Structure formats: structure tokens, C-alpha cells
C-alpha atoms as a PDB file:
ATOM      1  CA  MET A   1     -15.771  13.205 -15.892  1.00  0.00           C
ATOM      2  CA  ALA A   2     -14.868   9.720 -17.099  1.00  0.00           C
ATOM      3  CA  GLU A   3     -16.844   6.765 -15.819  1.00  0.00           C
ATOM      4  CA  PHE A   4     -14.916   3.724 -14.690  1.00  0.00           C
ATOM      5  CA  PRO A   5     -16.729   0.366 -15.021  1.00  0.00           C
ATOM      6  CA  PRO A   6     -15.976  -2.350 -12.471  1.00  0.00           C
ATOM      7  CA  CYS A   7     -13.330  -4.942 -13.321  1.00  0.00           C
ATOM      8  CA  ILE A   8     -14.868  -8.192 -14.548  1.00  0.00           C
ATOM      9  CA  PRO A   9     -12.929 -11.409 -15.386  1.00  0.00           C
ATOM     10  CA  GLY A  10     -13.124 -12.189 -19.072  1.00  0.00           C
ATOM     11  CA  VAL A  11     -14.192  -8.629 -19.859  1.00  0.00           C
ATOM     12  CA  THR A  12     -11.656  -6.228 -18.360  1.00  0.00           C
ATOM     13  CA  ARG A  13      -8.254  -6.341 -20.039  1.00  0.00           C
ATOM     14  CA  LEU A  14      -5.495  -6.073 -17.454  1.00  0.00           C
ATOM     15  CA  GLY A  15      -1.867  -5.062 -17.844  1.00  0.00           C
ATOM     16  CA  TRP A  16       0.974  -5.775 -15.421  1.00  0.00           C
ATOM     17  CA  ILE A  17       4.393  -4.129 -15.128  1.00  0.00           C
ATOM     18  CA  GLY A  18       6.921  -5.694 -12.744  1.00  0.00           C
ATOM     19  CA  THR A  19       7.033  -9.457 -12.211  1.00  0.00           C
ATOM     20  CA  GLY A  20       9.553  -9.654  -9.376  1.00  0.00           C
ATOM     21  CA  VAL A  21       9.289 -11.172  -5.899  1.00  0.00           C
ATOM     22  CA  MET A  22       5.855  -9.644  -5.265  1.00  0.00           C
ATOM     23  CA  GLY A  23       4.464  -8.859  -8.689  1.00  0.00           C
ATOM     24  CA  HIS A  24       4.821 -12.348 -10.128  1.00  0.00           C
ATOM     25  CA  SER A  25       2.464 -13.912  -7.578  1.00  0.00           C
ATOM     26  CA  MET A  26       0.014 -10.999  -7.636  1.00  0.00           C
ATOM     27  CA  CYS A  27      -0.235 -11.096 -11.416  1.00  0.00           C
ATOM     28  CA  GLY A  28      -0.605 -14.871 -11.305  1.00  0.00           C
ATOM     29  CA  HIS A  29      -3.641 -14.641  -9.021  1.00  0.00           C
ATOM     30  CA  LEU A  30      -5.387 -12.304 -11.461  1.00  0.00           C
ATOM     31  CA  LEU A  31      -4.633 -14.666 -14.346  1.00  0.00           C
ATOM     32  CA  ALA A  32      -6.021 -17.580 -12.341  1.00  0.00           C
ATOM     33  CA  ALA A  33      -9.163 -15.551 -11.629  1.00  0.00           C
ATOM     34  CA  GLY A  34      -9.879 -15.383 -15.359  1.00  0.00           C
ATOM     35  CA  TYR A  35      -8.596 -11.952 -16.325  1.00  0.00           C
ATOM     36  CA  SER A  36      -6.746 -11.516 -19.597  1.00  0.00           C
ATOM     37  CA  MET A  37      -3.272 -10.113 -18.973  1.00  0.00           C
ATOM     38  CA  THR A  38      -0.510  -8.327 -20.874  1.00  0.00           C
ATOM     39  CA  VAL A  39       2.817  -8.124 -19.035  1.00  0.00           C
ATOM     40  CA  TYR A  40       6.114  -6.282 -19.205  1.00  0.00           C
ATOM     41  CA  ASN A  41       9.242  -6.714 -17.118  1.00  0.00           C
ATOM     42  CA  ARG A  42      12.776  -5.414 -17.652  1.00  0.00           C
ATOM     43  CA  THR A  43      14.029  -9.002 -17.318  1.00  0.00           C
ATOM     44  CA  PRO A  44      11.769 -11.056 -19.629  1.00  0.00           C
ATOM     45  CA  GLN A  45      12.820 -14.357 -18.055  1.00  0.00           C
ATOM     46  CA  LYS A  46      11.003 -13.415 -14.841  1.00  0.00           C
ATOM     47  CA  ALA A  47       7.719 -13.373 -16.742  1.00  0.00           C
ATOM     48  CA  GLU A  48       8.138 -16.693 -18.562  1.00  0.00           C
ATOM     49  CA  SER A  49       5.918 -18.785 -16.284  1.00  0.00           C
ATOM     50  CA  LEU A  50       3.159 -16.155 -16.528  1.00  0.00           C
ATOM     51  CA  LEU A  51       3.359 -16.323 -20.319  1.00  0.00           C
ATOM     52  CA  GLU A  52       3.094 -20.097 -20.104  1.00  0.00           C
ATOM     53  CA  THR A  53      -0.192 -19.728 -18.189  1.00  0.00           C
ATOM     54  CA  GLY A  54      -1.768 -17.381 -20.702  1.00  0.00           C
ATOM     55  CA  ALA A  55      -0.337 -13.883 -20.290  1.00  0.00           C
ATOM     56  CA  LEU A  56       0.721 -11.925 -23.369  1.00  0.00           C
ATOM     57  CA  TRP A  57       4.087 -10.165 -23.643  1.00  0.00           C
ATOM     58  CA  ALA A  58       4.556  -6.489 -24.463  1.00  0.00           C
ATOM     59  CA  ALA A  59       7.843  -4.786 -25.314  1.00  0.00           C
ATOM     60  CA  SER A  60       7.239  -1.664 -23.207  1.00  0.00           C
ATOM     61  CA  PRO A  61       4.878  -0.166 -20.610  1.00  0.00           C
ATOM     62  CA  LEU A  62       3.368   1.874 -23.443  1.00  0.00           C
ATOM     63  CA  GLU A  63       2.482  -1.312 -25.341  1.00  0.00           C
ATOM     64  CA  VAL A  64       0.991  -2.808 -22.177  1.00  0.00           C
ATOM     65  CA  ALA A  65      -1.217   0.259 -21.814  1.00  0.00           C
ATOM     66  CA  GLN A  66      -2.343   0.178 -25.440  1.00  0.00           C
ATOM     67  CA  GLN A  67      -3.734  -3.334 -24.883  1.00  0.00           C
ATOM     68  CA  SER A  68      -5.262  -2.776 -21.435  1.00  0.00           C
ATOM     69  CA  ASP A  69      -8.196  -1.223 -19.587  1.00  0.00           C
ATOM     70  CA  VAL A  70      -6.445  -1.274 -16.204  1.00  0.00           C
ATOM     71  CA  VAL A  71      -2.652  -1.344 -15.804  1.00  0.00           C
ATOM     72  CA  PHE A  72      -0.943  -2.351 -12.550  1.00  0.00           C
ATOM     73  CA  SER A  73       2.693  -1.604 -11.761  1.00  0.00           C
ATOM     74  CA  ILE A  74       4.915  -2.761  -8.920  1.00  0.00           C
ATOM     75  CA  VAL A  75       8.555  -1.873  -9.465  1.00  0.00           C
ATOM     76  CA  GLY A  76      11.540  -0.980  -7.298  1.00  0.00           C
ATOM     77  CA  PHE A  77      12.104   2.726  -6.778  1.00  0.00           C
ATOM     78  CA  PRO A  78      10.281   6.034  -7.361  1.00  0.00           C
ATOM     79  CA  SER A  79      12.558   6.648 -10.351  1.00  0.00           C
ATOM     80  CA  ASP A  80      11.292   3.377 -11.839  1.00  0.00           C
ATOM     81  CA  VAL A  81       7.687   4.437 -11.204  1.00  0.00           C
ATOM     82  CA  ARG A  82       8.325   7.732 -12.950  1.00  0.00           C
ATOM     83  CA  GLU A  83       9.841   5.945 -15.941  1.00  0.00           C
ATOM     84  CA  VAL A  84       7.203   3.252 -16.413  1.00  0.00           C
ATOM     85  CA  ILE A  85       4.223   5.573 -15.892  1.00  0.00           C
ATOM     86  CA  LEU A  86       5.327   9.081 -16.946  1.00  0.00           C
ATOM     87  CA  GLY A  87       8.157   8.271 -19.388  1.00  0.00           C
ATOM     88  CA  GLU A  88       8.034   8.535 -23.169  1.00  0.00           C
ATOM     89  CA  GLN A  89       7.388   4.779 -23.326  1.00  0.00           C
ATOM     90  CA  GLY A  90       5.283   4.891 -20.165  1.00  0.00           C
ATOM     91  CA  VAL A  91       1.755   3.856 -19.303  1.00  0.00           C
ATOM     92  CA  LEU A  92       0.184   7.304 -19.603  1.00  0.00           C
ATOM     93  CA  ALA A  93       1.543   7.611 -23.139  1.00  0.00           C
ATOM     94  CA  GLY A  94      -0.486   4.558 -24.142  1.00  0.00           C
ATOM     95  CA  LEU A  95      -3.663   4.535 -22.027  1.00  0.00           C
ATOM     96  CA  LYS A  96      -6.876   5.925 -23.507  1.00  0.00           C
ATOM     97  CA  PRO A  97      -9.292   8.176 -21.604  1.00  0.00           C
ATOM     98  CA  GLY A  98     -11.524   6.216 -19.260  1.00  0.00           C
ATOM     99  CA  LYS A  99      -8.786   3.686 -18.452  1.00  0.00           C
ATOM    100  CA  ILE A 100      -6.953   3.260 -15.119  1.00  0.00           C
ATOM    101  CA  VAL A 101      -3.382   2.972 -13.866  1.00  0.00           C
ATOM    102  CA  VAL A 102      -2.725   1.452 -10.434  1.00  0.00           C
ATOM    103  CA  ASP A 103       0.748   1.801  -8.946  1.00  0.00           C
ATOM    104  CA  MET A 104       1.358  -0.740  -6.170  1.00  0.00           C
ATOM    105  CA  THR A 105       5.010   0.176  -5.657  1.00  0.00           C
ATOM    106  CA  THR A 106       5.944   1.652  -2.289  1.00  0.00           C
ATOM    107  CA  SER A 107       6.807   5.119  -3.500  1.00  0.00           C
ATOM    108  CA  GLU A 108       6.658   8.829  -2.696  1.00  0.00           C
ATOM    109  CA  PRO A 109       3.250  10.325  -1.838  1.00  0.00           C
ATOM    110  CA  SER A 110       4.136  13.426  -3.845  1.00  0.00           C
ATOM    111  CA  LEU A 111       4.818  11.300  -6.937  1.00  0.00           C
ATOM    112  CA  ALA A 112       1.464   9.540  -6.532  1.00  0.00           C
ATOM    113  CA  MET A 113      -0.272  12.921  -6.472  1.00  0.00           C
ATOM    114  CA  GLU A 114       1.708  14.101  -9.504  1.00  0.00           C
ATOM    115  CA  ILE A 115       0.729  10.994 -11.477  1.00  0.00           C
ATOM    116  CA  ALA A 116      -2.922  11.416 -10.486  1.00  0.00           C
ATOM    117  CA  GLU A 117      -2.966  15.038 -11.647  1.00  0.00           C
ATOM    118  CA  ILE A 118      -1.328  14.292 -15.003  1.00  0.00           C
ATOM    119  CA  ALA A 119      -3.610  11.286 -15.519  1.00  0.00           C
ATOM    120  CA  ALA A 120      -6.747  13.287 -14.690  1.00  0.00           C
ATOM    121  CA  ASN A 121      -5.832  15.858 -17.325  1.00  0.00           C
ATOM    122  CA  LYS A 122      -5.885  13.011 -19.855  1.00  0.00           C
ATOM    123  CA  GLY A 123      -9.203  11.606 -18.592  1.00  0.00           C
ATOM    124  CA  ILE A 124      -7.385   8.641 -17.025  1.00  0.00           C
ATOM    125  CA  GLY A 125      -7.851   7.371 -13.478  1.00  0.00           C
ATOM    126  CA  ALA A 126      -4.819   6.865 -11.212  1.00  0.00           C
ATOM    127  CA  ILE A 127      -4.630   4.965  -7.931  1.00  0.00           C
ATOM    128  CA  ASP A 128      -1.745   4.475  -5.502  1.00  0.00           C
ATOM    129  CA  ALA A 129      -2.101   1.110  -3.768  1.00  0.00           C
ATOM    130  CA  PRO A 130       1.067  -0.082  -1.991  1.00  0.00           C
ATOM    131  CA  VAL A 131       0.893  -3.393  -0.176  1.00  0.00           C
ATOM    132  CA  SER A 132       2.165  -5.077   2.969  1.00  0.00           C
ATOM    133  CA  GLY A 133       2.623  -8.763   3.643  1.00  0.00           C
ATOM    134  CA  GLY A 134       5.820  -9.617   1.805  1.00  0.00           C
ATOM    135  CA  ASP A 135       6.357 -12.551  -0.496  1.00  0.00           C
ATOM    136  CA  LEU A 136       4.174 -14.824   1.645  1.00  0.00           C
ATOM    137  CA  GLY A 137       1.273 -12.393   1.498  1.00  0.00           C
ATOM    138  CA  ALA A 138       1.678 -12.117  -2.266  1.00  0.00           C
ATOM    139  CA  LYS A 139       1.801 -15.904  -2.716  1.00  0.00           C
ATOM    140  CA  ASN A 140      -1.171 -16.530  -0.417  1.00  0.00           C
ATOM    141  CA  ALA A 141      -3.240 -13.555  -1.654  1.00  0.00           C
ATOM    142  CA  THR A 142      -3.443 -12.187   1.893  1.00  0.00           C
ATOM    143  CA  LEU A 143      -1.847  -8.795   1.285  1.00  0.00           C
ATOM    144  CA  SER A 144      -2.952  -5.639   3.038  1.00  0.00           C
ATOM    145  CA  ILE A 145      -3.610  -3.088   0.302  1.00  0.00           C
ATOM    146  CA  MET A 146      -3.503   0.608   1.239  1.00  0.00           C
ATOM    147  CA  ILE A 147      -5.285   2.714  -1.345  1.00  0.00           C
ATOM    148  CA  GLY A 148      -5.310   6.349  -2.384  1.00  0.00           C
ATOM    149  CA  GLY A 149      -7.685   7.624  -5.052  1.00  0.00           C
ATOM    150  CA  GLY A 150     -11.236   8.716  -5.777  1.00  0.00           C
ATOM    151  CA  GLU A 151     -13.924   6.513  -4.262  1.00  0.00           C
ATOM    152  CA  ASP A 152     -15.668   5.646  -7.546  1.00  0.00           C
ATOM    153  CA  LEU A 153     -12.321   4.930  -9.158  1.00  0.00           C
ATOM    154  CA  VAL A 154     -11.224   2.627  -6.329  1.00  0.00           C
ATOM    155  CA  ASP A 155     -14.592   0.844  -6.351  1.00  0.00           C
ATOM    156  CA  ALA A 156     -14.001  -0.071  -9.992  1.00  0.00           C
ATOM    157  CA  VAL A 157     -10.737  -1.856  -9.156  1.00  0.00           C
ATOM    158  CA  VAL A 158     -11.790  -3.479  -5.856  1.00  0.00           C
ATOM    159  CA  PRO A 159     -12.656  -6.801  -7.593  1.00  0.00           C
ATOM    160  CA  CYS A 160      -8.967  -7.059  -8.594  1.00  0.00           C
ATOM    161  CA  PHE A 161      -7.723  -6.042  -5.173  1.00  0.00           C
ATOM    162  CA  GLN A 162      -9.884  -8.766  -3.611  1.00  0.00           C
ATOM    163  CA  VAL A 163      -8.078 -11.375  -5.714  1.00  0.00           C
ATOM    164  CA  MET A 164      -4.676 -10.248  -4.392  1.00  0.00           C
ATOM    165  CA  GLY A 165      -5.354  -9.302  -0.791  1.00  0.00           C
ATOM    166  CA  SER A 166      -7.474  -9.879   2.288  1.00  0.00           C
ATOM    167  CA  THR A 167      -7.372  -6.367   3.785  1.00  0.00           C
ATOM    168  CA  ILE A 168      -8.406  -3.687   1.310  1.00  0.00           C
ATOM    169  CA  VAL A 169      -8.798  -0.174   2.722  1.00  0.00           C
ATOM    170  CA  ARG A 170      -9.188   3.126   0.887  1.00  0.00           C
ATOM    171  CA  GLN A 171      -7.208   5.611   2.962  1.00  0.00           C
ATOM    172  CA  GLY A 172      -8.275   8.758   1.106  1.00  0.00           C
ATOM    173  CA  SER A 173      -7.391  10.741  -2.000  1.00  0.00           C
ATOM    174  CA  SER A 174      -4.265  10.374  -4.141  1.00  0.00           C
ATOM    175  CA  GLY A 175      -1.122   9.900  -2.055  1.00  0.00           C
ATOM    176  CA  ALA A 176      -3.008   8.646   1.009  1.00  0.00           C
ATOM    177  CA  GLY A 177      -2.189   5.027   0.202  1.00  0.00           C
ATOM    178  CA  GLN A 178       1.517   5.867   0.131  1.00  0.00           C
ATOM    179  CA  HIS A 179       1.291   7.775   3.404  1.00  0.00           C
ATOM    180  CA  ALA A 180      -0.396   4.750   5.021  1.00  0.00           C
ATOM    181  CA  LYS A 181       2.393   2.519   3.727  1.00  0.00           C
ATOM    182  CA  MET A 182       4.939   4.863   5.333  1.00  0.00           C
ATOM    183  CA  VAL A 183       3.161   4.293   8.662  1.00  0.00           C
ATOM    184  CA  ASN A 184       3.479   0.562   8.008  1.00  0.00           C
ATOM    185  CA  GLN A 185       7.189   0.796   7.207  1.00  0.00           C
ATOM    186  CA  THR A 186       7.879   2.828  10.345  1.00  0.00           C
ATOM    187  CA  LEU A 187       6.268   0.085  12.421  1.00  0.00           C
ATOM    188  CA  VAL A 188       8.123  -2.660  10.532  1.00  0.00           C
ATOM    189  CA  ALA A 189      11.503  -0.946  10.975  1.00  0.00           C
ATOM    190  CA  ALA A 190      11.143  -0.567  14.728  1.00  0.00           C
ATOM    191  CA  GLY A 191       9.726  -4.063  15.071  1.00  0.00           C
ATOM    192  CA  MET A 192      12.516  -5.675  13.084  1.00  0.00           C
ATOM    193  CA  VAL A 193      15.175  -4.067  15.250  1.00  0.00           C
ATOM    194  CA  GLY A 194      13.399  -5.527  18.285  1.00  0.00           C
ATOM    195  CA  VAL A 195      13.091  -9.004  16.775  1.00  0.00           C
ATOM    196  CA  CYS A 196      16.762  -9.172  15.753  1.00  0.00           C
ATOM    197  CA  GLU A 197      18.120  -7.767  19.005  1.00  0.00           C
ATOM    198  CA  ALA A 198      15.913 -10.144  21.023  1.00  0.00           C
ATOM    199  CA  LEU A 199      17.099 -13.214  19.107  1.00  0.00           C
ATOM    200  CA  LEU A 200      20.709 -12.088  19.445  1.00  0.00           C
ATOM    201  CA  TYR A 201      20.230 -11.732  23.199  1.00  0.00           C
ATOM    202  CA  ALA A 202      18.522 -15.115  23.436  1.00  0.00           C
ATOM    203  CA  TYR A 203      21.356 -16.796  21.565  1.00  0.00           C
ATOM    204  CA  LYS A 204      24.106 -15.267  23.712  1.00  0.00           C
ATOM    205  CA  ALA A 205      22.134 -16.220  26.836  1.00  0.00           C
ATOM    206  CA  GLY A 206      22.343 -19.838  25.739  1.00  0.00           C
ATOM    207  CA  LEU A 207      18.628 -20.284  25.160  1.00  0.00           C
ATOM    208  CA  ASP A 208      17.061 -22.588  22.585  1.00  0.00           C
ATOM    209  CA  LEU A 209      15.811 -20.120  19.986  1.00  0.00           C
ATOM    210  CA  GLU A 210      12.837 -22.196  18.838  1.00  0.00           C
ATOM    211  CA  ARG A 211      11.640 -22.593  22.413  1.00  0.00           C
ATOM    212  CA  VAL A 212      12.035 -18.885  23.095  1.00  0.00           C
ATOM    213  CA  LEU A 213      10.024 -18.100  19.963  1.00  0.00           C
ATOM    214  CA  GLU A 214       7.282 -20.448  21.145  1.00  0.00           C
ATOM    215  CA  SER A 215       7.023 -18.612  24.465  1.00  0.00           C
ATOM    216  CA  VAL A 216       7.295 -14.970  23.424  1.00  0.00           C
ATOM    217  CA  GLY A 217       5.490 -15.216  20.104  1.00  0.00           C
ATOM    218  CA  SER A 218       2.114 -15.835  21.726  1.00  0.00           C
ATOM    219  CA  GLY A 219       2.413 -13.099  24.347  1.00  0.00           C
ATOM    220  CA  ALA A 220       2.457  -9.311  24.343  1.00  0.00           C
ATOM    221  CA  ALA A 221       5.714  -9.319  22.354  1.00  0.00           C
ATOM    222  CA  GLY A 222       4.205 -11.235  19.455  1.00  0.00           C
ATOM    223  CA  SER A 223       4.205  -9.712  15.971  1.00  0.00           C
ATOM    224  CA  TRP A 224       3.965 -10.613  12.298  1.00  0.00           C
ATOM    225  CA  SER A 225       7.719 -10.165  11.922  1.00  0.00           C
ATOM    226  CA  LEU A 226       8.493 -12.395  14.887  1.00  0.00           C
ATOM    227  CA  THR A 227       6.091 -15.138  13.774  1.00  0.00           C
ATOM    228  CA  HIS A 228       6.989 -15.180  10.085  1.00  0.00           C
ATOM    229  CA  LEU A 229      10.582 -13.962   9.970  1.00  0.00           C
ATOM    230  CA  GLY A 230      11.845 -15.194  13.331  1.00  0.00           C
ATOM    231  CA  PRO A 231      12.013 -18.823  12.106  1.00  0.00           C
ATOM    232  CA  ARG A 232      13.798 -17.665   8.935  1.00  0.00           C
ATOM    233  CA  ILE A 233      16.399 -15.834  11.011  1.00  0.00           C
ATOM    234  CA  ILE A 234      16.942 -18.880  13.209  1.00  0.00           C
ATOM    235  CA  GLY A 235      17.256 -21.101  10.127  1.00  0.00           C
ATOM    236  CA  ASN A 236      19.685 -18.726   8.346  1.00  0.00           C
ATOM    237  CA  GLN A 237      17.159 -18.224   5.544  1.00  0.00           C
ATOM    238  CA  PHE A 238      17.614 -14.645   4.374  1.00  0.00           C
ATOM    239  CA  ASP A 239      16.049 -14.834   0.910  1.00  0.00           C
ATOM    240  CA  PRO A 240      14.049 -11.680   0.287  1.00  0.00           C
ATOM    241  CA  GLY A 241      10.380 -11.301   0.951  1.00  0.00           C
ATOM    242  CA  PHE A 242      11.252  -7.629   0.650  1.00  0.00           C
ATOM    243  CA  PHE A 243      14.702  -6.370  -0.343  1.00  0.00           C
ATOM    244  CA  VAL A 244      16.942  -4.508   2.095  1.00  0.00           C
ATOM    245  CA  GLU A 245      17.741  -1.924  -0.591  1.00  0.00           C
ATOM    246  CA  HIS A 246      14.041  -1.217  -1.111  1.00  0.00           C
ATOM    247  CA  PHE A 247      13.486  -0.902   2.636  1.00  0.00           C
ATOM    248  CA  ILE A 248      16.289   1.660   2.860  1.00  0.00           C
ATOM    249  CA  LYS A 249      14.468   3.579   0.126  1.00  0.00           C
ATOM    250  CA  ASP A 250      11.227   3.447   2.124  1.00  0.00           C
ATOM    251  CA  ILE A 251      12.863   4.629   5.334  1.00  0.00           C
ATOM    252  CA  GLY A 252      14.354   7.523   3.372  1.00  0.00           C
ATOM    253  CA  ILE A 253      10.901   8.486   2.085  1.00  0.00           C
ATOM    254  CA  VAL A 254       9.426   8.459   5.603  1.00  0.00           C
ATOM    255  CA  LEU A 255      12.257  10.571   6.995  1.00  0.00           C
ATOM    256  CA  ALA A 256      11.925  13.060   4.136  1.00  0.00           C
ATOM    257  CA  GLU A 257       8.170  13.323   4.668  1.00  0.00           C
ATOM    258  CA  SER A 258       8.639  13.705   8.421  1.00  0.00           C
ATOM    259  CA  ARG A 259      11.002  16.632   7.865  1.00  0.00           C
ATOM    260  CA  LYS A 260       8.335  18.311   5.731  1.00  0.00           C
ATOM    261  CA  MET A 261       5.860  17.784   8.586  1.00  0.00           C
ATOM    262  CA  GLY A 262       8.310  19.113  11.179  1.00  0.00           C
ATOM    263  CA  ILE A 263       8.299  15.949  13.276  1.00  0.00           C
ATOM    264  CA  ALA A 264      11.214  13.954  14.705  1.00  0.00           C
ATOM    265  CA  LEU A 265      11.431  10.178  14.225  1.00  0.00           C
ATOM    266  CA  PRO A 266      14.708   9.286  15.981  1.00  0.00           C
ATOM    267  CA  GLY A 267      13.912   5.580  16.265  1.00  0.00           C
ATOM    268  CA  LEU A 268      13.360   5.294  12.540  1.00  0.00           C
ATOM    269  CA  ALA A 269      16.522   7.284  11.841  1.00  0.00           C
ATOM    270  CA  LEU A 270      18.489   4.769  13.919  1.00  0.00           C
ATOM    271  CA  ALA A 271      16.884   1.867  12.065  1.00  0.00           C
ATOM    272  CA  GLY A 272      17.888   3.545   8.822  1.00  0.00           C
ATOM    273  CA  GLN A 273      21.517   3.692   9.925  1.00  0.00           C
ATOM    274  CA  LEU A 274      21.439   0.015  10.907  1.00  0.00           C
ATOM    275  CA  TYR A 275      20.049  -0.949   7.517  1.00  0.00           C
ATOM    276  CA  GLN A 276      22.767   1.103   5.833  1.00  0.00           C
ATOM    277  CA  ALA A 277      25.211  -1.150   7.698  1.00  0.00           C
ATOM    278  CA  VAL A 278      23.387  -4.228   6.366  1.00  0.00           C
ATOM    279  CA  GLN A 279      23.797  -2.901   2.831  1.00  0.00           C
ATOM    280  CA  ALA A 280      27.439  -1.997   3.396  1.00  0.00           C
ATOM    281  CA  GLN A 281      28.103  -5.601   4.434  1.00  0.00           C
ATOM    282  CA  GLY A 282      26.856  -6.783   1.040  1.00  0.00           C
ATOM    283  CA  HIS A 283      23.300  -7.804   1.949  1.00  0.00           C
ATOM    284  CA  ALA A 284      21.282  -5.289  -0.123  1.00  0.00           C
ATOM    285  CA  GLN A 285      19.584  -8.106  -2.067  1.00  0.00           C
ATOM    286  CA  LYS A 286      18.610 -10.082   1.035  1.00  0.00           C
ATOM    287  CA  GLY A 287      15.369  -9.782   2.992  1.00  0.00           C
ATOM    288  CA  THR A 288      14.792  -7.131   5.651  1.00  0.00           C
ATOM    289  CA  HIS A 289      15.383  -9.706   8.383  1.00  0.00           C
ATOM    290  CA  ALA A 290      19.054  -9.788   7.273  1.00  0.00           C
ATOM    291  CA  LEU A 291      19.388  -6.987   9.803  1.00  0.00           C
ATOM    292  CA  GLN A 292      20.284  -9.899  12.102  1.00  0.00           C
ATOM    293  CA  LEU A 293      23.576 -10.351  10.249  1.00  0.00           C
ATOM    294  CA  ALA A 294      24.664  -6.756  10.805  1.00  0.00           C
ATOM    295  CA  LEU A 295      23.618  -6.625  14.457  1.00  0.00           C
ATOM    296  CA  ALA A 296      25.426  -9.889  15.168  1.00  0.00           C
ATOM    297  CA  SER A 297      28.521  -8.602  13.378  1.00  0.00           C
ATOM    298  CA  ILE A 298      28.562  -5.466  15.550  1.00  0.00           C
ATOM    299  CA  SER A 299      28.788  -7.807  18.536  1.00  0.00           C
ATOM    300  CA  GLY A 300      31.566  -9.856  16.956  1.00  0.00           C
ATOM    301  CA  LEU A 301      29.343 -12.800  16.024  1.00  0.00           C
ATOM    302  CA  ASP A 302      29.123 -14.493  12.625  1.00  0.00           C
ATOM    303  CA  TRP A 303      25.430 -15.397  12.748  1.00  0.00           C
ATOM    304  CA  LEU A 304      25.516 -17.694   9.723  1.00  0.00           C
ATOM    305  CA  HIS A 305      28.267 -19.859  11.221  1.00  0.00           C
ATOM    306  CA  ARG A 306      27.319 -19.615  14.880  1.00  0.00           C
ATOM    307  CA  ASP A 307      27.533 -22.605  17.203  1.00  0.00           C
ATOM    308  CA  HIS A 308      24.108 -23.924  18.099  1.00  0.00           C
ATOM    309  CA  ALA A 309      25.188 -24.383  21.678  1.00  0.00           C
ATOM    310  CA  VAL A 310      26.692 -21.375  23.462  1.00  0.00           C
END
């Protein structure tokens, strides 16, 4: 069995695949902590500022792996995970035995287990470690990181996780991190419907939305989504902390897993339909709180151009 030494700045060579909304900040924190870094992204321009602060560029995930001891990936969809890790030019084609791959994409538990099995046969460690906290959590290094993988393997990477997040919990063996993230997404979906419907009601009732937020945010109805995304909704700021199209993917994964388990999640299914409406209205690249736009539209209200006095 391979031994996995702990990550140490200046010693452990890191690789990073995916420098989008989340990955860019997460990778930047590791660079700032003193780790050497080799990066790859499908759109090279999104990695330019990381290269300016010391990261090295690689032309493929395989090349990243060849220059790294631990490779992190955070991409969009399970198909992307499969390509960058299991593909001909993927991470596992370039990593040597005793090295580690950490996928931080929200993806399918079954794919995480498949990657772990293939990696183990090559003497490589594999961890699934999806995150919650959105773009703000990534920027502020306060992410919640949900981890699946062997205990000794996870322990080796914890020093890196501590640079990116404030809540780091090993949930169990391979796939457990992804299952925990599905729990998170189920809660987020239901909560976001509540936040958007409540603000729509408050607006049509003629209430001052900021004052309402001040009152309800500190009581039993308070939540992360209300506190952090409520003001964005009120201010018509729908830039993505997490893309609608990725959230639809996540809801689909949860519903597929729930069918395998033989359980019914009707609330989540409804949220999924509402988010399909958001996408159909052209908001797939906006943040999850853009649900407000679709719910308002159903009620005949153009939220972006609403009067601020009803």
C-alpha cells in the first residue's frame, strides 16, 4: 500500500485543473500559502492572474499530473470530471504511484467511487471533496469541504484543505463526500425557493425589502442564503456564486440517487422544475438566486425593472 506524505508548502508540488468562479480563488490561496502550482484550464485567459503570481501553465491535465504530487480539480459537470481525470489526456494517465488526485467538483458519488477504484489499481490515492460556500466562501477561504476517501489519504491533504476552508469534515470512504454535498444541495434548493417566494411576497405587500431582511434574517427564518443572497436579490445582482446550470445538474444527481434508494423527494423535484424555468428564460449562467426572476415572471412581475414603491 502506498504511503502518502502530508502536504508541505515549498515541498509538495500541487496541480490545479479548473480556474473558474470557485477554482481561481481556491488555487490562489494555495499559491499564497507557499505551494508551487501547475495549472490547466480550458480557457487559458482565466488562469492569467494565477500565472502572474507564480503558477506554471500546462497544456493538459496529463501534463499537470506529470509535474505534481497532488492534483486538484474543480470543473463543471460529471462528464468534465471523467474527461480530466480518466481521459486519455487525464490526470490518472500522468500521475505516478504514491501521488494523489482530489476532485472538488460536485459530481456523482458513483463516479467518485469509480475514480477511486481505478486510481487504487495504479497505486494512486483519490479523494472526492466537494465544497459549499459559493464564490464568497472561495474568496474568503471559509468553504465547507465534504470529504470522501481513506483516513490516511485525507490526513495527507488536510493542510491544503485548511488553506481553502474553515469546515473540513471527512464523511467516510470514497463517494461519501459527494453524498454529503447532495444533502447540502437539497437543503439549498428548498431554502432558495423559500427566500425568493418570501421576498416576492414582501415586495407585493408593499414592504421595504431591506427592513424586512433586517427583521427576519435574525430570527428563526434566518439562513445563509437569506443573509448572503437576499441583499443580492434586492439589489438585482445576479452574478453567479454558483451557476444555475450547475445547480440543475446537482438536483438531477440527487433525484437519481434518491430513486436508487427508493425514497421520494417531492420538494426537491419541484425546485428542479422551477430551476428548469430559470434556465428556459435564459438565466443558466446566472447565480442560483436568479430563481427570483422566474418566480416573479410567473406572477407577471419583471423583477429587474420593478417599481421600488408598490
